Each structure stands twice: as C-alpha cells, then as structure tokens.
Full PDB file with SEQRES, HELIX, SHEET, SSBOND, CRYST1, ORIGX, SCALE, CONECT and MASTER records, all heavy atoms in Angstrom:
SEQRES   1 A   36  TRP ASN ALA ARG VAL ASN ARG SER PHE CYS ALA GLY MET          
SEQRES   2 A   36  LEU GLY VAL ILE ALA SER ALA ALA LEU THR GLY CYS GLN          
SEQRES   3 A   36  THR ASN MET GLY GLY GLN THR LEU PRO SER                      
HELIX    1 AA1 ASN A    2  THR A   23  1                                  22    
SHEET    1 AA1 2 THR A  27  MET A  29  0                                        
SHEET    2 AA1 2 GLN A  32  LEU A  34 -1                                        
CRYST1    1.000    1.000    1.000  90.00  90.00  90.00 P 1           1          
ORIGX1      1.000000  0.000000  0.000000        0.00000                         
ORIGX2      0.000000  1.000000  0.000000        0.00000                         
ORIGX3      0.000000  0.000000  1.000000        0.00000                         
SCALE1      1.000000  0.000000  0.000000        0.00000                         
SCALE2      0.000000  1.000000  0.000000        0.00000                         
SCALE3      0.000000  0.000000  1.000000        0.00000                         
ATOM      1  N   TRP A   1     -37.278 147.724 -48.928  1.00  0.00           N  
ATOM      2  CA  TRP A   1     -38.682 147.332 -48.822  1.00  0.00           C  
ATOM      3  C   TRP A   1     -39.591 148.513 -48.475  1.00  0.00           C  
ATOM      4  O   TRP A   1     -40.683 148.656 -49.009  1.00  0.00           O  
ATOM      5  CB  TRP A   1     -38.801 146.240 -47.751  1.00  0.00           C  
ATOM      6  CG  TRP A   1     -40.173 145.653 -47.684  1.00  0.00           C  
ATOM      7  CD1 TRP A   1     -40.702 144.751 -48.548  1.00  0.00           C  
ATOM      8  CD2 TRP A   1     -41.170 145.933 -46.730  1.00  0.00           C  
ATOM      9  NE1 TRP A   1     -41.975 144.443 -48.186  1.00  0.00           N  
ATOM     10  CE2 TRP A   1     -42.286 145.161 -47.062  1.00  0.00           C  
ATOM     11  CE3 TRP A   1     -41.242 146.751 -45.608  1.00  0.00           C  
ATOM     12  CZ2 TRP A   1     -43.465 145.193 -46.322  1.00  0.00           C  
ATOM     13  CZ3 TRP A   1     -42.403 146.767 -44.888  1.00  0.00           C  
ATOM     14  CH2 TRP A   1     -43.506 145.993 -45.240  1.00  0.00           C  
ATOM     15  N   ASN A   2     -39.185 149.406 -47.582  1.00  0.00           N  
ATOM     16  CA  ASN A   2     -39.987 150.580 -47.186  1.00  0.00           C  
ATOM     17  C   ASN A   2     -40.229 151.525 -48.357  1.00  0.00           C  
ATOM     18  O   ASN A   2     -41.307 152.095 -48.486  1.00  0.00           O  
ATOM     19  CB  ASN A   2     -39.301 151.349 -46.064  1.00  0.00           C  
ATOM     20  CG  ASN A   2     -39.435 150.625 -44.722  1.00  0.00           C  
ATOM     21  OD1 ASN A   2     -40.361 149.850 -44.546  1.00  0.00           O  
ATOM     22  ND2 ASN A   2     -38.508 150.882 -43.835  1.00  0.00           N  
ATOM     23  N   ALA A   3     -39.276 151.697 -49.204  1.00  0.00           N  
ATOM     24  CA  ALA A   3     -39.435 152.592 -50.355  1.00  0.00           C  
ATOM     25  C   ALA A   3     -40.472 151.998 -51.333  1.00  0.00           C  
ATOM     26  O   ALA A   3     -41.291 152.732 -51.891  1.00  0.00           O  
ATOM     27  CB  ALA A   3     -38.111 152.788 -51.054  1.00  0.00           C  
ATOM     28  N   ARG A   4     -40.439 150.652 -51.537  1.00  0.00           N  
ATOM     29  CA  ARG A   4     -41.419 150.032 -52.417  1.00  0.00           C  
ATOM     30  C   ARG A   4     -42.832 150.136 -51.853  1.00  0.00           C  
ATOM     31  O   ARG A   4     -43.784 150.398 -52.595  1.00  0.00           O  
ATOM     32  CB  ARG A   4     -41.068 148.558 -52.629  1.00  0.00           C  
ATOM     33  CG  ARG A   4     -40.091 148.386 -53.747  1.00  0.00           C  
ATOM     34  CD  ARG A   4     -39.955 146.945 -54.095  1.00  0.00           C  
ATOM     35  NE  ARG A   4     -38.627 146.538 -53.624  1.00  0.00           N  
ATOM     36  CZ  ARG A   4     -38.247 145.314 -53.397  1.00  0.00           C  
ATOM     37  NH1 ARG A   4     -39.076 144.322 -53.554  1.00  0.00           N  
ATOM     38  NH2 ARG A   4     -37.014 145.044 -53.021  1.00  0.00           N  
ATOM     39  N   VAL A   5     -42.973 149.933 -50.564  1.00  0.00           N  
ATOM     40  CA  VAL A   5     -44.296 150.027 -49.928  1.00  0.00           C  
ATOM     41  C   VAL A   5     -44.802 151.462 -50.014  1.00  0.00           C  
ATOM     42  O   VAL A   5     -45.974 151.712 -50.309  1.00  0.00           O  
ATOM     43  CB  VAL A   5     -44.228 149.527 -48.463  1.00  0.00           C  
ATOM     44  CG1 VAL A   5     -45.506 149.877 -47.713  1.00  0.00           C  
ATOM     45  CG2 VAL A   5     -43.950 148.059 -48.415  1.00  0.00           C  
ATOM     46  N   ASN A   6     -43.909 152.418 -49.754  1.00  0.00           N  
ATOM     47  CA  ASN A   6     -44.297 153.824 -49.810  1.00  0.00           C  
ATOM     48  C   ASN A   6     -44.734 154.211 -51.227  1.00  0.00           C  
ATOM     49  O   ASN A   6     -45.723 154.912 -51.399  1.00  0.00           O  
ATOM     50  CB  ASN A   6     -43.125 154.696 -49.348  1.00  0.00           C  
ATOM     51  CG  ASN A   6     -43.566 156.091 -49.014  1.00  0.00           C  
ATOM     52  OD1 ASN A   6     -44.760 156.347 -48.872  1.00  0.00           O  
ATOM     53  ND2 ASN A   6     -42.603 156.993 -48.912  1.00  0.00           N  
ATOM     54  N   ARG A   7     -43.997 153.746 -52.248  1.00  0.00           N  
ATOM     55  CA  ARG A   7     -44.348 154.045 -53.628  1.00  0.00           C  
ATOM     56  C   ARG A   7     -45.680 153.427 -54.019  1.00  0.00           C  
ATOM     57  O   ARG A   7     -46.516 154.043 -54.666  1.00  0.00           O  
ATOM     58  CB  ARG A   7     -43.275 153.533 -54.563  1.00  0.00           C  
ATOM     59  CG  ARG A   7     -42.468 154.601 -55.125  1.00  0.00           C  
ATOM     60  CD  ARG A   7     -41.604 154.091 -56.222  1.00  0.00           C  
ATOM     61  NE  ARG A   7     -40.407 154.899 -56.201  1.00  0.00           N  
ATOM     62  CZ  ARG A   7     -39.297 154.622 -56.801  1.00  0.00           C  
ATOM     63  NH1 ARG A   7     -39.191 153.497 -57.476  1.00  0.00           N  
ATOM     64  NH2 ARG A   7     -38.289 155.438 -56.756  1.00  0.00           N  
ATOM     65  N   SER A   8     -45.890 152.193 -53.636  1.00  0.00           N  
ATOM     66  CA  SER A   8     -47.143 151.524 -53.992  1.00  0.00           C  
ATOM     67  C   SER A   8     -48.340 152.163 -53.248  1.00  0.00           C  
ATOM     68  O   SER A   8     -49.428 152.275 -53.807  1.00  0.00           O  
ATOM     69  CB  SER A   8     -47.070 150.018 -53.727  1.00  0.00           C  
ATOM     70  OG  SER A   8     -46.873 149.790 -52.348  1.00  0.00           O  
ATOM     71  N   PHE A   9     -48.109 152.583 -52.011  1.00  0.00           N  
ATOM     72  CA  PHE A   9     -49.170 153.265 -51.269  1.00  0.00           C  
ATOM     73  C   PHE A   9     -49.523 154.588 -51.942  1.00  0.00           C  
ATOM     74  O   PHE A   9     -50.695 154.912 -52.114  1.00  0.00           O  
ATOM     75  CB  PHE A   9     -48.746 153.500 -49.820  1.00  0.00           C  
ATOM     76  CG  PHE A   9     -49.753 154.254 -49.012  1.00  0.00           C  
ATOM     77  CD1 PHE A   9     -50.927 153.627 -48.579  1.00  0.00           C  
ATOM     78  CD2 PHE A   9     -49.570 155.601 -48.698  1.00  0.00           C  
ATOM     79  CE1 PHE A   9     -51.868 154.319 -47.847  1.00  0.00           C  
ATOM     80  CE2 PHE A   9     -50.510 156.292 -47.977  1.00  0.00           C  
ATOM     81  CZ  PHE A   9     -51.663 155.659 -47.547  1.00  0.00           C  
ATOM     82  N   CYS A  10     -48.521 155.350 -52.332  1.00  0.00           N  
ATOM     83  CA  CYS A  10     -48.768 156.625 -53.023  1.00  0.00           C  
ATOM     84  C   CYS A  10     -49.458 156.402 -54.369  1.00  0.00           C  
ATOM     85  O   CYS A  10     -50.371 157.138 -54.726  1.00  0.00           O  
ATOM     86  CB  CYS A  10     -47.447 157.369 -53.219  1.00  0.00           C  
ATOM     87  SG  CYS A  10     -46.782 158.061 -51.706  1.00  0.00           S  
ATOM     88  N   ALA A  11     -49.049 155.377 -55.098  1.00  0.00           N  
ATOM     89  CA  ALA A  11     -49.685 155.083 -56.377  1.00  0.00           C  
ATOM     90  C   ALA A  11     -51.136 154.667 -56.165  1.00  0.00           C  
ATOM     91  O   ALA A  11     -52.035 155.068 -56.924  1.00  0.00           O  
ATOM     92  CB  ALA A  11     -48.915 153.995 -57.112  1.00  0.00           C  
ATOM     93  N   GLY A  12     -51.399 153.897 -55.149  1.00  0.00           N  
ATOM     94  CA  GLY A  12     -52.761 153.486 -54.846  1.00  0.00           C  
ATOM     95  C   GLY A  12     -53.633 154.670 -54.466  1.00  0.00           C  
ATOM     96  O   GLY A  12     -54.778 154.785 -54.908  1.00  0.00           O  
ATOM     97  N   MET A  13     -53.122 155.530 -53.618  1.00  0.00           N  
ATOM     98  CA  MET A  13     -53.874 156.723 -53.211  1.00  0.00           C  
ATOM     99  C   MET A  13     -54.122 157.641 -54.395  1.00  0.00           C  
ATOM    100  O   MET A  13     -55.200 158.228 -54.538  1.00  0.00           O  
ATOM    101  CB  MET A  13     -53.135 157.469 -52.100  1.00  0.00           C  
ATOM    102  CG  MET A  13     -53.159 156.756 -50.767  1.00  0.00           C  
ATOM    103  SD  MET A  13     -54.819 156.373 -50.213  1.00  0.00           S  
ATOM    104  CE  MET A  13     -55.428 157.992 -49.865  1.00  0.00           C  
ATOM    105  N   LEU A  14     -53.126 157.768 -55.264  1.00  0.00           N  
ATOM    106  CA  LEU A  14     -53.289 158.595 -56.465  1.00  0.00           C  
ATOM    107  C   LEU A  14     -54.374 157.999 -57.376  1.00  0.00           C  
ATOM    108  O   LEU A  14     -55.187 158.738 -57.929  1.00  0.00           O  
ATOM    109  CB  LEU A  14     -51.961 158.706 -57.219  1.00  0.00           C  
ATOM    110  CG  LEU A  14     -51.957 159.608 -58.451  1.00  0.00           C  
ATOM    111  CD1 LEU A  14     -52.293 161.028 -58.046  1.00  0.00           C  
ATOM    112  CD2 LEU A  14     -50.626 159.547 -59.138  1.00  0.00           C  
ATOM    113  N   GLY A  15     -54.425 156.681 -57.473  1.00  0.00           N  
ATOM    114  CA  GLY A  15     -55.460 156.012 -58.261  1.00  0.00           C  
ATOM    115  C   GLY A  15     -56.856 156.242 -57.669  1.00  0.00           C  
ATOM    116  O   GLY A  15     -57.818 156.471 -58.388  1.00  0.00           O  
ATOM    117  N   VAL A  16     -56.964 156.168 -56.351  1.00  0.00           N  
ATOM    118  CA  VAL A  16     -58.249 156.402 -55.695  1.00  0.00           C  
ATOM    119  C   VAL A  16     -58.708 157.831 -55.919  1.00  0.00           C  
ATOM    120  O   VAL A  16     -59.871 158.096 -56.234  1.00  0.00           O  
ATOM    121  CB  VAL A  16     -58.163 156.063 -54.190  1.00  0.00           C  
ATOM    122  CG1 VAL A  16     -59.377 156.579 -53.443  1.00  0.00           C  
ATOM    123  CG2 VAL A  16     -57.989 154.583 -53.989  1.00  0.00           C  
ATOM    124  N   ILE A  17     -57.813 158.779 -55.763  1.00  0.00           N  
ATOM    125  CA  ILE A  17     -58.151 160.192 -55.945  1.00  0.00           C  
ATOM    126  C   ILE A  17     -58.537 160.457 -57.397  1.00  0.00           C  
ATOM    127  O   ILE A  17     -59.506 161.159 -57.669  1.00  0.00           O  
ATOM    128  CB  ILE A  17     -56.996 161.097 -55.488  1.00  0.00           C  
ATOM    129  CG1 ILE A  17     -56.854 161.014 -53.966  1.00  0.00           C  
ATOM    130  CG2 ILE A  17     -57.185 162.522 -55.947  1.00  0.00           C  
ATOM    131  CD1 ILE A  17     -55.615 161.682 -53.438  1.00  0.00           C  
ATOM    132  N   ALA A  18     -57.786 159.867 -58.336  1.00  0.00           N  
ATOM    133  CA  ALA A  18     -58.099 160.077 -59.764  1.00  0.00           C  
ATOM    134  C   ALA A  18     -59.452 159.464 -60.107  1.00  0.00           C  
ATOM    135  O   ALA A  18     -60.238 160.085 -60.836  1.00  0.00           O  
ATOM    136  CB  ALA A  18     -56.996 159.481 -60.621  1.00  0.00           C  
ATOM    137  N   SER A  19     -59.743 158.289 -59.606  1.00  0.00           N  
ATOM    138  CA  SER A  19     -61.035 157.678 -59.927  1.00  0.00           C  
ATOM    139  C   SER A  19     -62.190 158.459 -59.303  1.00  0.00           C  
ATOM    140  O   SER A  19     -63.249 158.602 -59.888  1.00  0.00           O  
ATOM    141  CB  SER A  19     -61.075 156.224 -59.483  1.00  0.00           C  
ATOM    142  OG  SER A  19     -61.012 156.146 -58.073  1.00  0.00           O  
ATOM    143  N   ALA A  20     -61.973 158.999 -58.099  1.00  0.00           N  
ATOM    144  CA  ALA A  20     -63.020 159.813 -57.474  1.00  0.00           C  
ATOM    145  C   ALA A  20     -63.231 161.116 -58.241  1.00  0.00           C  
ATOM    146  O   ALA A  20     -64.361 161.587 -58.377  1.00  0.00           O  
ATOM    147  CB  ALA A  20     -62.665 160.104 -56.025  1.00  0.00           C  
ATOM    148  N   ALA A  21     -62.160 161.693 -58.732  1.00  0.00           N  
ATOM    149  CA  ALA A  21     -62.275 162.961 -59.467  1.00  0.00           C  
ATOM    150  C   ALA A  21     -62.920 162.750 -60.835  1.00  0.00           C  
ATOM    151  O   ALA A  21     -63.618 163.633 -61.334  1.00  0.00           O  
ATOM    152  CB  ALA A  21     -60.904 163.589 -59.618  1.00  0.00           C  
ATOM    153  N   LEU A  22     -62.732 161.602 -61.441  1.00  0.00           N  
ATOM    154  CA  LEU A  22     -63.246 161.366 -62.786  1.00  0.00           C  
ATOM    155  C   LEU A  22     -64.678 160.854 -62.790  1.00  0.00           C  
ATOM    156  O   LEU A  22     -65.340 160.884 -63.821  1.00  0.00           O  
ATOM    157  CB  LEU A  22     -62.348 160.385 -63.535  1.00  0.00           C  
ATOM    158  CG  LEU A  22     -60.933 160.907 -63.825  1.00  0.00           C  
ATOM    159  CD1 LEU A  22     -60.108 159.818 -64.449  1.00  0.00           C  
ATOM    160  CD2 LEU A  22     -60.994 162.120 -64.728  1.00  0.00           C  
ATOM    161  N   THR A  23     -65.181 160.374 -61.668  1.00  0.00           N  
ATOM    162  CA  THR A  23     -66.543 159.819 -61.667  1.00  0.00           C  
ATOM    163  C   THR A  23     -67.600 160.880 -61.551  1.00  0.00           C  
ATOM    164  O   THR A  23     -68.742 160.653 -61.918  1.00  0.00           O  
ATOM    165  CB  THR A  23     -66.712 158.814 -60.515  1.00  0.00           C  
ATOM    166  OG1 THR A  23     -66.393 159.449 -59.297  1.00  0.00           O  
ATOM    167  CG2 THR A  23     -65.856 157.606 -60.726  1.00  0.00           C  
ATOM    168  N   GLY A  24     -67.346 162.038 -61.015  1.00  0.00           N  
ATOM    169  CA  GLY A  24     -68.330 163.097 -60.904  1.00  0.00           C  
ATOM    170  C   GLY A  24     -69.161 162.983 -59.648  1.00  0.00           C  
ATOM    171  O   GLY A  24     -68.873 162.201 -58.753  1.00  0.00           O  
ATOM    172  N   CYS A  25     -70.258 163.739 -59.601  1.00  0.00           N  
ATOM    173  CA  CYS A  25     -71.066 163.820 -58.404  1.00  0.00           C  
ATOM    174  C   CYS A  25     -72.389 163.088 -58.514  1.00  0.00           C  
ATOM    175  O   CYS A  25     -73.186 163.130 -57.609  1.00  0.00           O  
ATOM    176  CB  CYS A  25     -71.351 165.296 -58.081  1.00  0.00           C  
ATOM    177  SG  CYS A  25     -69.886 166.248 -57.760  1.00  0.00           S  
ATOM    178  N   GLN A  26     -72.667 162.455 -59.632  1.00  0.00           N  
ATOM    179  CA  GLN A  26     -73.962 161.842 -59.802  1.00  0.00           C  
ATOM    180  C   GLN A  26     -74.037 160.519 -59.047  1.00  0.00           C  
ATOM    181  O   GLN A  26     -73.051 159.801 -58.907  1.00  0.00           O  
ATOM    182  CB  GLN A  26     -74.249 161.575 -61.270  1.00  0.00           C  
ATOM    183  CG  GLN A  26     -74.497 162.831 -62.044  1.00  0.00           C  
ATOM    184  CD  GLN A  26     -74.889 162.548 -63.470  1.00  0.00           C  
ATOM    185  OE1 GLN A  26     -74.647 161.478 -63.972  1.00  0.00           O  
ATOM    186  NE2 GLN A  26     -75.509 163.510 -64.096  1.00  0.00           N  
ATOM    187  N   THR A  27     -75.235 160.232 -58.543  1.00  0.00           N  
ATOM    188  CA  THR A  27     -75.496 158.960 -57.902  1.00  0.00           C  
ATOM    189  C   THR A  27     -76.721 158.340 -58.553  1.00  0.00           C  
ATOM    190  O   THR A  27     -77.522 159.025 -59.157  1.00  0.00           O  
ATOM    191  CB  THR A  27     -75.762 159.129 -56.391  1.00  0.00           C  
ATOM    192  OG1 THR A  27     -76.882 159.986 -56.211  1.00  0.00           O  
ATOM    193  CG2 THR A  27     -74.569 159.715 -55.700  1.00  0.00           C  
ATOM    194  N   ASN A  28     -76.866 157.048 -58.394  1.00  0.00           N  
ATOM    195  CA  ASN A  28     -78.014 156.350 -58.955  1.00  0.00           C  
ATOM    196  C   ASN A  28     -78.737 155.659 -57.821  1.00  0.00           C  
ATOM    197  O   ASN A  28     -78.202 154.750 -57.204  1.00  0.00           O  
ATOM    198  CB  ASN A  28     -77.533 155.343 -59.994  1.00  0.00           C  
ATOM    199  CG  ASN A  28     -78.674 154.788 -60.794  1.00  0.00           C  
ATOM    200  OD1 ASN A  28     -79.832 155.016 -60.481  1.00  0.00           O  
ATOM    201  ND2 ASN A  28     -78.343 154.036 -61.825  1.00  0.00           N  
ATOM    202  N   MET A  29     -79.957 156.130 -57.513  1.00  0.00           N  
ATOM    203  CA  MET A  29     -80.739 155.563 -56.410  1.00  0.00           C  
ATOM    204  C   MET A  29     -82.149 155.284 -56.909  1.00  0.00           C  
ATOM    205  O   MET A  29     -82.823 156.183 -57.376  1.00  0.00           O  
ATOM    206  CB  MET A  29     -80.782 156.532 -55.230  1.00  0.00           C  
ATOM    207  CG  MET A  29     -79.446 156.779 -54.598  1.00  0.00           C  
ATOM    208  SD  MET A  29     -79.542 157.903 -53.229  1.00  0.00           S  
ATOM    209  CE  MET A  29     -80.351 156.870 -52.031  1.00  0.00           C  
ATOM    210  N   GLY A  30     -82.594 154.056 -56.787  1.00  0.00           N  
ATOM    211  CA  GLY A  30     -83.955 153.720 -57.142  1.00  0.00           C  
ATOM    212  C   GLY A  30     -84.268 153.931 -58.606  1.00  0.00           C  
ATOM    213  O   GLY A  30     -85.403 154.243 -58.943  1.00  0.00           O  
ATOM    214  N   GLY A  31     -83.298 153.786 -59.466  1.00  0.00           N  
ATOM    215  CA  GLY A  31     -83.538 153.975 -60.889  1.00  0.00           C  
ATOM    216  C   GLY A  31     -83.453 155.408 -61.353  1.00  0.00           C  
ATOM    217  O   GLY A  31     -83.624 155.706 -62.525  1.00  0.00           O  
ATOM    218  N   GLN A  32     -83.218 156.337 -60.425  1.00  0.00           N  
ATOM    219  CA  GLN A  32     -83.088 157.745 -60.781  1.00  0.00           C  
ATOM    220  C   GLN A  32     -81.628 158.146 -60.741  1.00  0.00           C  
ATOM    221  O   GLN A  32     -80.892 157.753 -59.847  1.00  0.00           O  
ATOM    222  CB  GLN A  32     -83.838 158.643 -59.802  1.00  0.00           C  
ATOM    223  CG  GLN A  32     -85.332 158.587 -59.910  1.00  0.00           C  
ATOM    224  CD  GLN A  32     -85.956 159.547 -58.921  1.00  0.00           C  
ATOM    225  OE1 GLN A  32     -85.542 159.613 -57.771  1.00  0.00           O  
ATOM    226  NE2 GLN A  32     -86.935 160.282 -59.376  1.00  0.00           N  
ATOM    227  N   THR A  33     -81.213 158.963 -61.681  1.00  0.00           N  
ATOM    228  CA  THR A  33     -79.893 159.544 -61.627  1.00  0.00           C  
ATOM    229  C   THR A  33     -80.002 160.882 -60.949  1.00  0.00           C  
ATOM    230  O   THR A  33     -80.643 161.803 -61.445  1.00  0.00           O  
ATOM    231  CB  THR A  33     -79.308 159.727 -63.058  1.00  0.00           C  
ATOM    232  OG1 THR A  33     -79.294 158.446 -63.695  1.00  0.00           O  
ATOM    233  CG2 THR A  33     -77.916 160.291 -63.002  1.00  0.00           C  
ATOM    234  N   LEU A  34     -79.430 160.972 -59.768  1.00  0.00           N  
ATOM    235  CA  LEU A  34     -79.533 162.188 -58.971  1.00  0.00           C  
ATOM    236  C   LEU A  34     -78.275 163.022 -59.133  1.00  0.00           C  
ATOM    237  O   LEU A  34     -77.170 162.483 -59.196  1.00  0.00           O  
ATOM    238  CB  LEU A  34     -79.749 161.800 -57.509  1.00  0.00           C  
ATOM    239  CG  LEU A  34     -80.976 160.912 -57.277  1.00  0.00           C  
ATOM    240  CD1 LEU A  34     -81.010 160.446 -55.854  1.00  0.00           C  
ATOM    241  CD2 LEU A  34     -82.227 161.650 -57.645  1.00  0.00           C  
ATOM    242  N   PRO A  35     -78.409 164.337 -59.190  1.00  0.00           N  
ATOM    243  CA  PRO A  35     -77.267 165.181 -59.524  1.00  0.00           C  
ATOM    244  C   PRO A  35     -76.235 165.316 -58.416  1.00  0.00           C  
ATOM    245  O   PRO A  35     -75.079 165.503 -58.682  1.00  0.00           O  
ATOM    246  CB  PRO A  35     -77.900 166.547 -59.817  1.00  0.00           C  
ATOM    247  CG  PRO A  35     -79.197 166.511 -59.120  1.00  0.00           C  
ATOM    248  CD  PRO A  35     -79.646 165.102 -59.101  1.00  0.00           C  
ATOM    249  N   SER A  36     -76.635 165.236 -57.150  1.00  0.00           N  
ATOM    250  CA  SER A  36     -75.669 165.408 -56.088  1.00  0.00           C  
ATOM    251  C   SER A  36     -76.162 164.717 -54.845  1.00  0.00           C  
ATOM    252  O   SER A  36     -77.288 164.246 -54.776  1.00  0.00           O  
ATOM    253  CB  SER A  36     -75.449 166.906 -55.796  1.00  0.00           C  
ATOM    254  OG  SER A  36     -76.596 167.430 -55.183  1.00  0.00           O  
TER     255      SER A  36                                                      
MASTER        0    0    0    1    2    0    0    6  254    1    0    3          
END                                                                             
C-alpha cells in the first residue's frame, strides 16, 4: 500500500509541476491579460 501511495503522490506532484510549467506567467485580471 505504501508504494502505491508514494507512486500516486509523485505522479500527482509531477502533474502539478507540469501544468504550472506549461501555463506560463500570464494572468488575467479585470479583462486585461497581464504579462507577469
């Protein structure tokens, strides 16, 4: 059970890091796309 939890935790963290890296630095506030 510990190995499965550890693997799923690592896969989840890898997914979070990948999604953060692929989204870029732009934000959208008040209808404006801001660069950083």
